[in-house]
Structures are given as structure tokens and as C-alpha cells.
Amino acid sequence: MRRAILIPLLIVLVVLAIAGGVGYYIYNSYMYYGTDDAQVSGNIVSISAPANGRLTTLDVKIGDTVKVGQTIGTITPVATGAVATPAINVTSPINGTILQTSAVQGQGVAVGLPIVQLTDLTQLTVTAYIDESQMNNVKVGQDVDIHVDAYSNTTFSGKVQTIVQAAASTFSLLPTQDNASGNFTKVGQRVPVIITLDGTGGNDIVPGLSASVTIHLH
């Protein structure tokens, strides 16, 4: 008798568990969209030599912070004939942190040669790649929970800032499919979404770090 009662009870519990799992999945899919195809981004600016000559001074190193308009070095242009040319100051176009130095003091430089690269670490964003099927659900202004792999126990906040109006494959140097052959396979496309990062909480977050995001759809 107990066995006859127990088996139907177990079946009911299993059915309820399955229904609960399906209901949770539907609710979660309606409320949120998540992807771990994301990374921290920053506007990296390259400062190049404005003239041919010699890099007479270079006053910054990796990790230094600079202000907009600050002189980071000087270039002495190549003299033309017997006329001496004054040194040219190389200045920073933004407030930022030096990420890389591509030249050394005393070397010869040509117009356009990169000298340093920098970015403003207070203006970081997160670039996430969403399925094209979610284009109709993701909107500018939606709240986003952000997890950076380097700080997995910390949740950062942000908002959807921009939905790029082209699939990621558009920017790829190599084609993702061969439409010229008869073996066409439809490939799901990914669309870049730019997300603001509302503060770092004092953590050392830099461009290129891997991240995952959860977008609040409703």
C-alpha cells in the first residue's frame, strides 16, 4: 500500500520540479539576457610624431598619468639648410594613463611614427556581443550587471549605451562564410553592444579584461 502511494507521489514531485524548472527558465529568459562574450574596452589614443627629426626628450613612462595639453616630449626637426628649426612640443590630446611607449629618447622619428599610447581609465566601457535574435529585446538605457573575470566576486553596474548598427562579422578581416560555394551554412550573427561601466569600485580595471554581462530586458 505504501509503495502504491509513494510512486504516484514521486511522479507528482518530478512533474512539479520539471514544471518549476521550465517556468523559471521562461521567466529568466523574459527578464534577462546574459552573455560571457564581452570585454572591457577603452578609447586608446596613439600620439605620433608631428614632424621628421629627433625625439630630443620623452618625459613619460608606462603607467604615468597625464593631463590634456601636457607636454610629453619634444622633437627637434631636421634642419633645412643652415636654418635652425625650433623644437616642437608633443602634447597629450586627452587626460589619460600611458599604456605603451613605442619610441625612446634620442631616436630619429618620422611623421606619423607612434610615440606613446594612452587611454582615459575613467571612461571605460564594456563591449558585449549579443545574438542577433535579441536585437528586438535589447534597448539603449537598460540596466546591466557586469562581472569582470579578474574580480569574479564583484558585480559592477552599467547601462546599455549603444547598439552598433552592424554585425561583428562585418568588421572581420576574414570572411565567416563562403557564399560562392553551394555548401551554404547559415551562421548566427553577433551584434556588438557598448555598455557603460559606472565606476570600478577602486579595482584596477583596464582595457581588454574578459567580462560577462546580464542585461535587464524588462
N, C-alpha and C. Protein backbone atom coordinates (compact mmCIF):
# COMPACT_ATOMS: atom_id res chain seq x y z
N MET A 1 0.83 -1.21 0.00
CA MET A 1 0.00 0.00 0.00
C MET A 1 0.87 1.27 0.00
N ARG A 2 1.89 1.25 0.90
CA ARG A 2 2.77 2.42 0.97
C ARG A 2 3.49 2.61 -0.35
N ARG A 3 3.87 1.52 -0.99
CA ARG A 3 4.56 1.60 -2.28
C ARG A 3 3.64 2.19 -3.35
N ALA A 4 2.38 1.79 -3.31
CA ALA A 4 1.41 2.27 -4.29
C ALA A 4 1.17 3.76 -4.14
N ILE A 5 1.26 4.26 -2.90
CA ILE A 5 1.08 5.69 -2.66
C ILE A 5 2.35 6.46 -2.99
N LEU A 6 3.51 5.89 -2.69
CA LEU A 6 4.80 6.57 -2.86
C LEU A 6 5.12 6.84 -4.31
N ILE A 7 4.85 5.87 -5.20
CA ILE A 7 5.21 6.03 -6.61
C ILE A 7 4.46 7.19 -7.25
N PRO A 8 3.12 7.30 -7.10
CA PRO A 8 2.42 8.47 -7.67
C PRO A 8 2.90 9.78 -7.06
N LEU A 9 3.24 9.77 -5.77
CA LEU A 9 3.73 10.97 -5.12
C LEU A 9 5.06 11.42 -5.72
N LEU A 10 5.95 10.46 -5.98
CA LEU A 10 7.23 10.78 -6.59
C LEU A 10 7.04 11.34 -8.00
N ILE A 11 6.08 10.75 -8.73
CA ILE A 11 5.80 11.22 -10.09
C ILE A 11 5.31 12.66 -10.05
N VAL A 12 4.43 12.97 -9.11
CA VAL A 12 3.91 14.33 -8.97
C VAL A 12 5.04 15.30 -8.64
N LEU A 13 5.94 14.89 -7.73
CA LEU A 13 7.06 15.76 -7.36
C LEU A 13 7.98 16.01 -8.55
N VAL A 14 8.24 14.96 -9.34
CA VAL A 14 9.09 15.11 -10.52
C VAL A 14 8.45 16.07 -11.52
N VAL A 15 7.14 15.89 -11.75
CA VAL A 15 6.42 16.76 -12.69
C VAL A 15 6.47 18.22 -12.21
N LEU A 16 6.26 18.42 -10.91
CA LEU A 16 6.30 19.77 -10.35
C LEU A 16 7.70 20.39 -10.48
N ALA A 17 8.71 19.55 -10.25
CA ALA A 17 10.09 20.04 -10.37
C ALA A 17 10.40 20.45 -11.81
N ILE A 18 9.96 19.63 -12.76
CA ILE A 18 10.18 19.96 -14.18
C ILE A 18 9.43 21.22 -14.56
N ALA A 19 8.15 21.31 -14.11
CA ALA A 19 7.35 22.50 -14.41
C ALA A 19 7.99 23.74 -13.81
N GLY A 20 8.50 23.60 -12.57
CA GLY A 20 9.16 24.73 -11.93
C GLY A 20 10.40 25.16 -12.68
N GLY A 21 11.18 24.18 -13.15
CA GLY A 21 12.39 24.50 -13.90
C GLY A 21 12.08 25.18 -15.22
N VAL A 22 11.04 24.69 -15.92
CA VAL A 22 10.64 25.30 -17.19
C VAL A 22 10.13 26.72 -16.95
N GLY A 23 9.32 26.87 -15.87
CA GLY A 23 8.79 28.19 -15.56
C GLY A 23 9.88 29.19 -15.23
N TYR A 24 10.88 28.73 -14.47
CA TYR A 24 12.00 29.61 -14.12
C TYR A 24 12.78 30.00 -15.35
N TYR A 25 13.00 29.04 -16.26
CA TYR A 25 13.74 29.32 -17.49
C TYR A 25 13.01 30.36 -18.34
N ILE A 26 11.68 30.19 -18.47
CA ILE A 26 10.89 31.13 -19.26
C ILE A 26 10.93 32.52 -18.63
N TYR A 27 10.76 32.57 -17.31
CA TYR A 27 10.78 33.86 -16.61
C TYR A 27 12.15 34.52 -16.75
N ASN A 28 13.20 33.74 -16.54
CA ASN A 28 14.56 34.29 -16.61
C ASN A 28 14.88 34.79 -18.02
N SER A 29 14.42 34.03 -19.04
CA SER A 29 14.68 34.44 -20.42
C SER A 29 13.92 35.71 -20.77
N TYR A 30 12.75 35.88 -20.16
CA TYR A 30 11.94 37.07 -20.42
C TYR A 30 12.54 38.30 -19.74
N MET A 31 13.07 38.11 -18.55
CA MET A 31 13.56 39.23 -17.76
C MET A 31 15.00 39.61 -18.07
N TYR A 32 15.83 38.64 -18.45
CA TYR A 32 17.28 38.89 -18.56
C TYR A 32 17.84 38.25 -19.84
N TYR A 33 18.95 38.85 -20.29
CA TYR A 33 19.75 38.22 -21.34
C TYR A 33 21.22 38.30 -20.91
N GLY A 34 21.88 37.18 -20.90
CA GLY A 34 23.27 37.16 -20.45
C GLY A 34 24.21 36.59 -21.49
N THR A 35 25.43 37.07 -21.48
CA THR A 35 26.48 36.53 -22.34
C THR A 35 27.84 36.73 -21.68
N ASP A 36 28.73 35.77 -21.88
CA ASP A 36 30.10 35.94 -21.39
C ASP A 36 31.05 36.31 -22.53
N ASP A 37 30.46 36.64 -23.68
CA ASP A 37 31.25 37.12 -24.82
C ASP A 37 31.35 38.64 -24.71
N ALA A 38 32.19 39.09 -23.78
CA ALA A 38 32.30 40.53 -23.52
C ALA A 38 33.69 40.85 -22.98
N GLN A 39 34.09 42.09 -23.12
CA GLN A 39 35.38 42.52 -22.58
C GLN A 39 35.37 44.02 -22.32
N VAL A 40 36.23 44.41 -21.40
CA VAL A 40 36.37 45.83 -21.07
C VAL A 40 37.05 46.54 -22.24
N SER A 41 36.53 47.72 -22.57
CA SER A 41 37.07 48.49 -23.69
C SER A 41 37.44 49.89 -23.23
N GLY A 42 38.39 50.47 -23.93
CA GLY A 42 38.79 51.85 -23.66
C GLY A 42 39.21 52.50 -24.97
N ASN A 43 39.03 53.81 -25.06
CA ASN A 43 39.44 54.54 -26.26
C ASN A 43 40.94 54.78 -26.19
N ILE A 44 41.69 53.93 -26.88
CA ILE A 44 43.15 54.02 -26.85
C ILE A 44 43.62 55.01 -27.92
N VAL A 45 44.32 56.02 -27.47
CA VAL A 45 44.78 57.10 -28.35
C VAL A 45 46.28 56.94 -28.59
N SER A 46 46.67 57.02 -29.84
CA SER A 46 48.09 56.96 -30.20
C SER A 46 48.58 58.37 -30.51
N ILE A 47 49.68 58.75 -29.87
CA ILE A 47 50.31 60.05 -30.14
C ILE A 47 51.50 59.81 -31.04
N SER A 48 51.47 60.44 -32.20
CA SER A 48 52.51 60.21 -33.21
C SER A 48 53.38 61.45 -33.40
N ALA A 49 54.52 61.22 -34.00
CA ALA A 49 55.45 62.32 -34.27
C ALA A 49 54.83 63.28 -35.28
N PRO A 50 54.82 64.58 -34.99
CA PRO A 50 54.24 65.56 -35.92
C PRO A 50 55.21 66.01 -37.02
N ALA A 51 56.48 65.60 -36.89
CA ALA A 51 57.48 66.06 -37.86
C ALA A 51 58.64 65.07 -37.90
N ASN A 52 59.39 65.12 -38.99
CA ASN A 52 60.63 64.33 -39.07
C ASN A 52 61.68 65.00 -38.18
N GLY A 53 62.47 64.20 -37.51
CA GLY A 53 63.52 64.78 -36.67
C GLY A 53 64.01 63.80 -35.63
N ARG A 54 64.40 64.35 -34.48
CA ARG A 54 64.91 63.52 -33.38
C ARG A 54 64.06 63.75 -32.14
N LEU A 55 63.72 62.65 -31.47
CA LEU A 55 62.97 62.75 -30.23
C LEU A 55 63.94 63.19 -29.13
N THR A 56 64.00 64.49 -28.93
CA THR A 56 65.00 65.06 -28.01
C THR A 56 64.71 64.67 -26.57
N THR A 57 63.44 64.75 -26.17
CA THR A 57 63.06 64.35 -24.81
C THR A 57 61.79 63.51 -24.86
N LEU A 58 61.68 62.61 -23.88
CA LEU A 58 60.45 61.85 -23.67
C LEU A 58 60.25 61.80 -22.16
N ASP A 59 59.25 62.52 -21.70
CA ASP A 59 59.11 62.78 -20.26
C ASP A 59 58.10 61.87 -19.56
N VAL A 60 57.63 60.83 -20.23
CA VAL A 60 56.64 59.94 -19.60
C VAL A 60 57.08 58.49 -19.75
N LYS A 61 56.53 57.66 -18.89
CA LYS A 61 56.76 56.21 -18.97
C LYS A 61 55.44 55.49 -18.75
N ILE A 62 55.44 54.19 -18.97
CA ILE A 62 54.22 53.40 -18.82
C ILE A 62 53.68 53.55 -17.39
N GLY A 63 52.38 53.82 -17.31
CA GLY A 63 51.74 53.97 -16.00
C GLY A 63 51.57 55.40 -15.55
N ASP A 64 52.29 56.34 -16.19
CA ASP A 64 52.15 57.75 -15.82
C ASP A 64 50.78 58.28 -16.24
N THR A 65 50.24 59.19 -15.45
CA THR A 65 49.01 59.89 -15.82
C THR A 65 49.36 61.27 -16.35
N VAL A 66 48.65 61.69 -17.37
CA VAL A 66 48.92 62.99 -17.99
C VAL A 66 47.60 63.75 -18.15
N LYS A 67 47.72 65.05 -18.29
CA LYS A 67 46.57 65.92 -18.49
C LYS A 67 46.50 66.36 -19.95
N VAL A 68 45.31 66.72 -20.39
CA VAL A 68 45.16 67.21 -21.75
C VAL A 68 46.02 68.45 -21.93
N GLY A 69 46.77 68.48 -23.03
CA GLY A 69 47.66 69.61 -23.32
C GLY A 69 49.04 69.50 -22.69
N GLN A 70 49.26 68.50 -21.84
CA GLN A 70 50.56 68.35 -21.18
C GLN A 70 51.62 67.93 -22.19
N THR A 71 52.79 68.52 -22.08
CA THR A 71 53.90 68.14 -22.95
C THR A 71 54.50 66.82 -22.49
N ILE A 72 54.57 65.85 -23.38
CA ILE A 72 55.12 64.54 -23.02
C ILE A 72 56.51 64.34 -23.62
N GLY A 73 56.91 65.23 -24.52
CA GLY A 73 58.22 65.11 -25.14
C GLY A 73 58.44 66.22 -26.14
N THR A 74 59.64 66.28 -26.69
CA THR A 74 59.94 67.29 -27.71
C THR A 74 60.67 66.64 -28.87
N ILE A 75 60.42 67.19 -30.04
CA ILE A 75 61.09 66.72 -31.26
C ILE A 75 61.84 67.89 -31.87
N THR A 76 63.10 67.66 -32.18
CA THR A 76 63.89 68.65 -32.90
C THR A 76 63.84 68.29 -34.38
N PRO A 77 63.16 69.09 -35.19
CA PRO A 77 63.01 68.76 -36.61
C PRO A 77 64.34 68.74 -37.35
N VAL A 78 64.35 68.06 -38.47
CA VAL A 78 65.53 68.03 -39.33
C VAL A 78 65.79 69.44 -39.86
N ALA A 79 67.02 69.90 -39.71
CA ALA A 79 67.36 71.26 -40.16
C ALA A 79 67.32 71.33 -41.68
N THR A 80 66.80 72.43 -42.17
CA THR A 80 66.77 72.64 -43.62
C THR A 80 67.81 73.71 -43.97
N GLY A 81 68.89 73.27 -44.58
CA GLY A 81 69.97 74.19 -44.91
C GLY A 81 70.67 74.66 -43.64
N ALA A 82 70.96 75.94 -43.59
CA ALA A 82 71.67 76.49 -42.44
C ALA A 82 70.72 77.06 -41.39
N VAL A 83 69.41 76.92 -41.65
CA VAL A 83 68.41 77.49 -40.74
C VAL A 83 68.09 76.48 -39.65
N ALA A 84 68.28 76.89 -38.41
CA ALA A 84 67.94 76.03 -37.28
C ALA A 84 66.43 76.08 -37.04
N THR A 85 65.86 74.95 -36.75
CA THR A 85 64.42 74.89 -36.51
C THR A 85 64.16 74.66 -35.03
N PRO A 86 63.20 75.36 -34.48
CA PRO A 86 62.92 75.21 -33.04
C PRO A 86 62.31 73.85 -32.72
N ALA A 87 62.48 73.43 -31.48
CA ALA A 87 61.92 72.14 -31.05
C ALA A 87 60.39 72.23 -31.03
N ILE A 88 59.76 71.10 -31.29
CA ILE A 88 58.29 71.01 -31.30
C ILE A 88 57.85 70.20 -30.08
N ASN A 89 56.96 70.77 -29.32
CA ASN A 89 56.41 70.04 -28.18
C ASN A 89 55.37 69.01 -28.64
N VAL A 90 55.46 67.82 -28.08
CA VAL A 90 54.46 66.78 -28.33
C VAL A 90 53.56 66.75 -27.11
N THR A 91 52.26 67.01 -27.31
CA THR A 91 51.34 67.13 -26.18
C THR A 91 50.26 66.05 -26.21
N SER A 92 49.66 65.83 -25.05
CA SER A 92 48.59 64.83 -24.94
C SER A 92 47.25 65.46 -25.31
N PRO A 93 46.46 64.79 -26.14
CA PRO A 93 45.15 65.34 -26.52
C PRO A 93 44.05 65.04 -25.50
N ILE A 94 44.36 64.19 -24.52
CA ILE A 94 43.34 63.81 -23.53
C ILE A 94 43.97 63.66 -22.14
N ASN A 95 43.13 63.63 -21.12
CA ASN A 95 43.57 63.15 -19.81
C ASN A 95 43.65 61.64 -19.89
N GLY A 96 44.72 61.06 -19.41
CA GLY A 96 44.81 59.61 -19.51
C GLY A 96 46.02 59.02 -18.83
N THR A 97 46.17 57.72 -19.04
CA THR A 97 47.28 56.94 -18.47
C THR A 97 48.09 56.35 -19.61
N ILE A 98 49.40 56.46 -19.53
CA ILE A 98 50.27 55.92 -20.58
C ILE A 98 50.24 54.39 -20.53
N LEU A 99 49.87 53.79 -21.65
CA LEU A 99 49.80 52.33 -21.74
C LEU A 99 51.04 51.73 -22.39
N GLN A 100 51.63 52.47 -23.30
CA GLN A 100 52.77 51.93 -24.04
C GLN A 100 53.62 53.07 -24.59
N THR A 101 54.93 52.88 -24.55
CA THR A 101 55.85 53.81 -25.21
C THR A 101 56.49 53.07 -26.36
N SER A 102 56.37 53.66 -27.56
CA SER A 102 56.86 53.00 -28.76
C SER A 102 58.15 53.59 -29.29
N ALA A 103 58.67 54.59 -28.59
CA ALA A 103 59.92 55.24 -29.01
C ALA A 103 60.76 55.51 -27.78
N VAL A 104 62.04 55.80 -28.01
CA VAL A 104 62.94 56.11 -26.90
C VAL A 104 63.60 57.46 -27.16
N GLN A 105 63.92 58.11 -26.08
CA GLN A 105 64.55 59.42 -26.19
C GLN A 105 65.85 59.33 -26.99
N GLY A 106 66.00 60.26 -27.91
CA GLY A 106 67.22 60.32 -28.71
C GLY A 106 67.11 59.68 -30.08
N GLN A 107 66.07 58.90 -30.32
CA GLN A 107 65.97 58.22 -31.62
C GLN A 107 65.41 59.16 -32.68
N GLY A 108 65.70 58.83 -33.92
CA GLY A 108 65.13 59.57 -35.03
C GLY A 108 63.69 59.15 -35.26
N VAL A 109 62.86 60.09 -35.62
CA VAL A 109 61.45 59.78 -35.84
C VAL A 109 61.01 60.38 -37.17
N ALA A 110 59.97 59.77 -37.74
CA ALA A 110 59.37 60.27 -38.96
C ALA A 110 57.93 60.65 -38.67
N VAL A 111 57.39 61.50 -39.51
CA VAL A 111 55.99 61.92 -39.33
C VAL A 111 55.08 60.71 -39.26
N GLY A 112 54.24 60.66 -38.24
CA GLY A 112 53.29 59.56 -38.09
C GLY A 112 53.80 58.40 -37.27
N LEU A 113 55.07 58.40 -36.90
CA LEU A 113 55.61 57.30 -36.09
C LEU A 113 54.99 57.36 -34.68
N PRO A 114 54.37 56.28 -34.21
CA PRO A 114 53.79 56.29 -32.85
C PRO A 114 54.87 56.50 -31.79
N ILE A 115 54.57 57.37 -30.85
CA ILE A 115 55.50 57.62 -29.74
C ILE A 115 54.97 56.98 -28.46
N VAL A 116 53.72 57.25 -28.12
CA VAL A 116 53.09 56.63 -26.95
C VAL A 116 51.64 56.33 -27.26
N GLN A 117 51.06 55.43 -26.46
CA GLN A 117 49.62 55.17 -26.50
C GLN A 117 49.06 55.36 -25.09
N LEU A 118 47.88 55.93 -25.00
CA LEU A 118 47.28 56.17 -23.70
C LEU A 118 45.77 56.03 -23.79
N THR A 119 45.14 55.91 -22.63
CA THR A 119 43.68 55.85 -22.56
C THR A 119 43.22 56.50 -21.27
N ASP A 120 41.97 56.93 -21.26
CA ASP A 120 41.37 57.50 -20.05
C ASP A 120 40.68 56.38 -19.29
N LEU A 121 41.27 55.94 -18.19
CA LEU A 121 40.74 54.82 -17.42
C LEU A 121 39.47 55.17 -16.65
N THR A 122 39.08 56.44 -16.67
CA THR A 122 37.82 56.82 -16.03
C THR A 122 36.65 56.76 -17.01
N GLN A 123 36.94 56.46 -18.26
CA GLN A 123 35.90 56.42 -19.29
C GLN A 123 35.81 55.04 -19.95
N LEU A 124 35.99 54.00 -19.15
CA LEU A 124 35.95 52.65 -19.69
C LEU A 124 34.51 52.22 -20.00
N THR A 125 34.38 51.34 -20.97
CA THR A 125 33.09 50.73 -21.29
C THR A 125 33.28 49.23 -21.40
N VAL A 126 32.18 48.52 -21.58
CA VAL A 126 32.24 47.09 -21.82
C VAL A 126 31.58 46.82 -23.17
N THR A 127 32.26 46.07 -24.03
CA THR A 127 31.69 45.68 -25.31
C THR A 127 31.23 44.22 -25.20
N ALA A 128 29.93 44.01 -25.38
CA ALA A 128 29.36 42.67 -25.33
C ALA A 128 28.79 42.33 -26.69
N TYR A 129 28.81 41.04 -27.02
CA TYR A 129 28.31 40.59 -28.32
C TYR A 129 27.05 39.75 -28.09
N ILE A 130 25.91 40.23 -28.59
CA ILE A 130 24.64 39.56 -28.36
C ILE A 130 24.18 38.83 -29.61
N ASP A 131 23.36 37.81 -29.42
CA ASP A 131 22.78 37.09 -30.56
C ASP A 131 21.87 38.02 -31.35
N GLU A 132 21.88 37.86 -32.66
CA GLU A 132 21.04 38.72 -33.50
C GLU A 132 19.56 38.56 -33.17
N SER A 133 19.19 37.41 -32.61
CA SER A 133 17.80 37.18 -32.25
C SER A 133 17.34 38.06 -31.09
N GLN A 134 18.30 38.67 -30.37
CA GLN A 134 17.97 39.53 -29.24
C GLN A 134 17.93 41.01 -29.60
N MET A 135 18.13 41.32 -30.87
CA MET A 135 18.16 42.73 -31.31
C MET A 135 16.87 43.47 -30.93
N ASN A 136 15.75 42.77 -30.98
CA ASN A 136 14.47 43.42 -30.71
C ASN A 136 14.21 43.59 -29.21
N ASN A 137 15.00 42.90 -28.38
CA ASN A 137 14.78 42.94 -26.93
C ASN A 137 15.72 43.89 -26.21
N VAL A 138 16.94 44.02 -26.72
CA VAL A 138 17.94 44.87 -26.07
C VAL A 138 17.73 46.32 -26.51
N LYS A 139 17.63 47.22 -25.53
CA LYS A 139 17.37 48.62 -25.81
C LYS A 139 18.39 49.51 -25.10
N VAL A 140 18.66 50.66 -25.68
CA VAL A 140 19.52 51.66 -25.04
C VAL A 140 18.88 52.09 -23.72
N GLY A 141 19.70 52.17 -22.67
CA GLY A 141 19.22 52.61 -21.37
C GLY A 141 18.91 51.49 -20.40
N GLN A 142 18.88 50.23 -20.88
CA GLN A 142 18.59 49.12 -19.97
C GLN A 142 19.73 48.91 -18.98
N ASP A 143 19.37 48.53 -17.75
CA ASP A 143 20.38 48.26 -16.73
C ASP A 143 21.14 46.98 -17.05
N VAL A 144 22.41 46.95 -16.64
CA VAL A 144 23.28 45.80 -16.91
C VAL A 144 24.08 45.46 -15.66
N ASP A 145 24.12 44.18 -15.32
CA ASP A 145 25.03 43.68 -14.29
C ASP A 145 26.29 43.17 -15.00
N ILE A 146 27.44 43.59 -14.50
CA ILE A 146 28.71 43.27 -15.16
C ILE A 146 29.60 42.51 -14.19
N HIS A 147 30.18 41.42 -14.66
CA HIS A 147 31.18 40.69 -13.88
C HIS A 147 32.47 40.64 -14.70
N VAL A 148 33.53 41.16 -14.13
CA VAL A 148 34.85 41.11 -14.76
C VAL A 148 35.58 39.91 -14.20
N ASP A 149 36.13 39.07 -15.09
CA ASP A 149 36.74 37.81 -14.65
C ASP A 149 37.81 38.01 -13.58
N ALA A 150 38.53 39.11 -13.67
CA ALA A 150 39.61 39.36 -12.70
C ALA A 150 39.06 39.64 -11.30
N TYR A 151 37.78 40.02 -11.22
CA TYR A 151 37.13 40.31 -9.93
C TYR A 151 35.79 39.59 -9.91
N SER A 152 35.84 38.27 -9.97
CA SER A 152 34.64 37.45 -10.17
C SER A 152 33.62 37.58 -9.05
N ASN A 153 34.04 38.00 -7.86
CA ASN A 153 33.11 38.11 -6.74
C ASN A 153 32.48 39.49 -6.62
N THR A 154 32.77 40.36 -7.60
CA THR A 154 32.24 41.73 -7.55
C THR A 154 31.31 41.96 -8.73
N THR A 155 30.16 42.55 -8.46
CA THR A 155 29.22 42.91 -9.52
C THR A 155 29.28 44.41 -9.76
N PHE A 156 29.57 44.79 -10.99
CA PHE A 156 29.59 46.19 -11.38
C PHE A 156 28.29 46.51 -12.12
N SER A 157 27.95 47.77 -12.14
CA SER A 157 26.71 48.17 -12.80
C SER A 157 27.00 49.02 -14.02
N GLY A 158 26.04 49.04 -14.92
CA GLY A 158 26.16 49.85 -16.12
C GLY A 158 24.84 49.93 -16.84
N LYS A 159 24.84 50.56 -17.99
CA LYS A 159 23.64 50.66 -18.82
C LYS A 159 24.02 50.47 -20.28
N VAL A 160 23.08 49.97 -21.06
CA VAL A 160 23.30 49.85 -22.50
C VAL A 160 23.42 51.26 -23.07
N GLN A 161 24.56 51.55 -23.67
CA GLN A 161 24.82 52.89 -24.20
C GLN A 161 24.56 52.96 -25.70
N THR A 162 25.06 51.96 -26.43
CA THR A 162 24.96 51.96 -27.89
C THR A 162 24.79 50.54 -28.40
N ILE A 163 23.92 50.36 -29.37
CA ILE A 163 23.83 49.10 -30.10
C ILE A 163 24.43 49.36 -31.48
N VAL A 164 25.57 48.76 -31.74
CA VAL A 164 26.28 49.00 -33.00
C VAL A 164 25.41 48.52 -34.16
N GLN A 165 25.29 49.35 -35.17
CA GLN A 165 24.38 49.05 -36.28
C GLN A 165 25.05 48.20 -37.37
N ALA A 166 25.73 47.15 -36.94
CA ALA A 166 26.34 46.20 -37.87
C ALA A 166 26.75 44.98 -37.06
N ALA A 167 26.67 43.81 -37.67
CA ALA A 167 27.10 42.58 -37.00
C ALA A 167 28.62 42.57 -36.87
N ALA A 168 29.11 41.85 -35.87
CA ALA A 168 30.55 41.80 -35.61
C ALA A 168 31.33 41.27 -36.82
N SER A 169 30.70 40.36 -37.58
CA SER A 169 31.39 39.77 -38.73
C SER A 169 31.72 40.81 -39.79
N THR A 170 30.99 41.93 -39.79
CA THR A 170 31.23 42.99 -40.77
C THR A 170 32.63 43.57 -40.61
N PHE A 171 33.15 43.54 -39.38
CA PHE A 171 34.45 44.14 -39.10
C PHE A 171 35.59 43.11 -39.17
N SER A 172 35.26 41.86 -39.46
CA SER A 172 36.27 40.81 -39.50
C SER A 172 37.10 40.91 -40.78
N LEU A 173 38.40 40.68 -40.64
CA LEU A 173 39.28 40.71 -41.82
C LEU A 173 39.08 39.47 -42.69
N LEU A 174 38.64 38.38 -42.08
CA LEU A 174 38.43 37.14 -42.82
C LEU A 174 36.94 36.84 -42.89
N PRO A 175 36.42 36.42 -44.06
CA PRO A 175 35.00 36.11 -44.17
C PRO A 175 34.64 34.90 -43.31
N THR A 176 33.44 34.95 -42.70
CA THR A 176 33.00 33.85 -41.86
C THR A 176 32.28 32.77 -42.64
N GLN A 177 31.97 33.02 -43.90
CA GLN A 177 31.31 32.02 -44.72
C GLN A 177 31.63 32.27 -46.17
N ASP A 178 31.47 31.23 -46.97
CA ASP A 178 31.75 31.30 -48.41
C ASP A 178 30.44 31.22 -49.16
N ASN A 179 29.91 32.38 -49.55
CA ASN A 179 28.63 32.40 -50.26
C ASN A 179 28.76 31.98 -51.72
N ALA A 180 30.01 31.85 -52.20
CA ALA A 180 30.22 31.48 -53.59
C ALA A 180 30.05 29.99 -53.83
N SER A 181 30.17 29.19 -52.77
CA SER A 181 30.05 27.74 -52.93
C SER A 181 28.60 27.33 -52.76
N GLY A 182 28.31 26.09 -53.10
CA GLY A 182 26.96 25.56 -52.94
C GLY A 182 26.71 24.99 -51.57
N ASN A 183 27.73 25.03 -50.70
CA ASN A 183 27.60 24.46 -49.35
C ASN A 183 27.37 25.56 -48.33
N PHE A 184 26.25 26.27 -48.50
CA PHE A 184 25.96 27.38 -47.61
C PHE A 184 25.42 26.87 -46.28
N THR A 185 25.99 27.38 -45.21
CA THR A 185 25.50 27.08 -43.86
C THR A 185 25.17 28.39 -43.17
N LYS A 186 23.92 28.52 -42.75
CA LYS A 186 23.52 29.76 -42.08
C LYS A 186 24.19 29.84 -40.72
N VAL A 187 24.82 30.99 -40.45
CA VAL A 187 25.55 31.20 -39.21
C VAL A 187 24.87 32.30 -38.41
N GLY A 188 24.59 32.04 -37.14
CA GLY A 188 24.03 33.07 -36.28
C GLY A 188 25.03 34.19 -36.08
N GLN A 189 24.57 35.41 -36.25
CA GLN A 189 25.46 36.57 -36.15
C GLN A 189 25.43 37.17 -34.75
N ARG A 190 26.49 37.88 -34.41
CA ARG A 190 26.62 38.54 -33.12
C ARG A 190 26.71 40.04 -33.36
N VAL A 191 26.03 40.79 -32.52
CA VAL A 191 25.98 42.24 -32.67
C VAL A 191 26.66 42.90 -31.47
N PRO A 192 27.63 43.80 -31.69
CA PRO A 192 28.30 44.47 -30.57
C PRO A 192 27.37 45.46 -29.88
N VAL A 193 27.41 45.45 -28.56
CA VAL A 193 26.65 46.39 -27.74
C VAL A 193 27.64 47.06 -26.78
N ILE A 194 27.62 48.39 -26.75
CA ILE A 194 28.51 49.15 -25.87
C ILE A 194 27.77 49.45 -24.57
N ILE A 195 28.39 49.11 -23.45
CA ILE A 195 27.77 49.26 -22.13
C ILE A 195 28.65 50.17 -21.27
N THR A 196 28.02 51.14 -20.61
CA THR A 196 28.78 52.00 -19.70
C THR A 196 29.21 51.19 -18.49
N LEU A 197 30.30 51.61 -17.88
CA LEU A 197 30.78 51.00 -16.64
C LEU A 197 30.73 52.08 -15.57
N ASP A 198 29.74 51.96 -14.67
CA ASP A 198 29.50 53.02 -13.69
C ASP A 198 30.42 52.88 -12.48
N GLY A 199 31.70 53.15 -12.72
CA GLY A 199 32.67 53.09 -11.63
C GLY A 199 33.30 51.72 -11.51
N THR A 200 34.49 51.70 -10.92
CA THR A 200 35.25 50.46 -10.78
C THR A 200 35.35 50.00 -9.33
N GLY A 201 34.80 50.78 -8.41
CA GLY A 201 34.87 50.40 -7.00
C GLY A 201 36.29 50.33 -6.47
N GLY A 202 37.19 51.09 -7.09
CA GLY A 202 38.58 51.08 -6.64
C GLY A 202 39.40 49.93 -7.20
N ASN A 203 38.79 49.08 -8.02
CA ASN A 203 39.52 47.96 -8.61
C ASN A 203 40.29 48.40 -9.85
N ASP A 204 41.39 47.73 -10.11
CA ASP A 204 42.26 48.09 -11.23
C ASP A 204 41.73 47.42 -12.50
N ILE A 205 40.75 48.06 -13.12
CA ILE A 205 40.15 47.53 -14.35
C ILE A 205 40.78 48.24 -15.54
N VAL A 206 41.21 47.46 -16.52
CA VAL A 206 41.92 48.00 -17.67
C VAL A 206 41.32 47.43 -18.95
N PRO A 207 41.54 48.10 -20.08
CA PRO A 207 41.01 47.60 -21.36
C PRO A 207 41.52 46.20 -21.67
N GLY A 208 40.61 45.38 -22.23
CA GLY A 208 40.97 44.04 -22.67
C GLY A 208 40.58 42.94 -21.71
N LEU A 209 40.24 43.27 -20.46
CA LEU A 209 39.86 42.23 -19.49
C LEU A 209 38.56 41.55 -19.93
N SER A 210 38.49 40.24 -19.71
CA SER A 210 37.29 39.48 -20.05
C SER A 210 36.18 39.78 -19.06
N ALA A 211 34.94 39.74 -19.55
CA ALA A 211 33.79 40.06 -18.70
C ALA A 211 32.59 39.26 -19.15
N SER A 212 31.58 39.24 -18.31
CA SER A 212 30.27 38.69 -18.66
C SER A 212 29.23 39.70 -18.22
N VAL A 213 28.11 39.75 -18.94
CA VAL A 213 27.09 40.76 -18.64
C VAL A 213 25.72 40.11 -18.59
N THR A 214 24.85 40.69 -17.79
CA THR A 214 23.44 40.31 -17.74
C THR A 214 22.62 41.56 -17.95
N ILE A 215 21.89 41.62 -19.05
CA ILE A 215 21.09 42.79 -19.40
C ILE A 215 19.67 42.59 -18.89
N HIS A 216 19.15 43.60 -18.18
CA HIS A 216 17.79 43.55 -17.66
C HIS A 216 16.84 43.98 -18.79
N LEU A 217 16.15 43.03 -19.37
CA LEU A 217 15.30 43.31 -20.51
C LEU A 217 13.98 43.97 -20.10
N HIS A 218 13.43 43.55 -18.96
CA HIS A 218 12.13 44.07 -18.51
C HIS A 218 12.17 44.40 -17.03
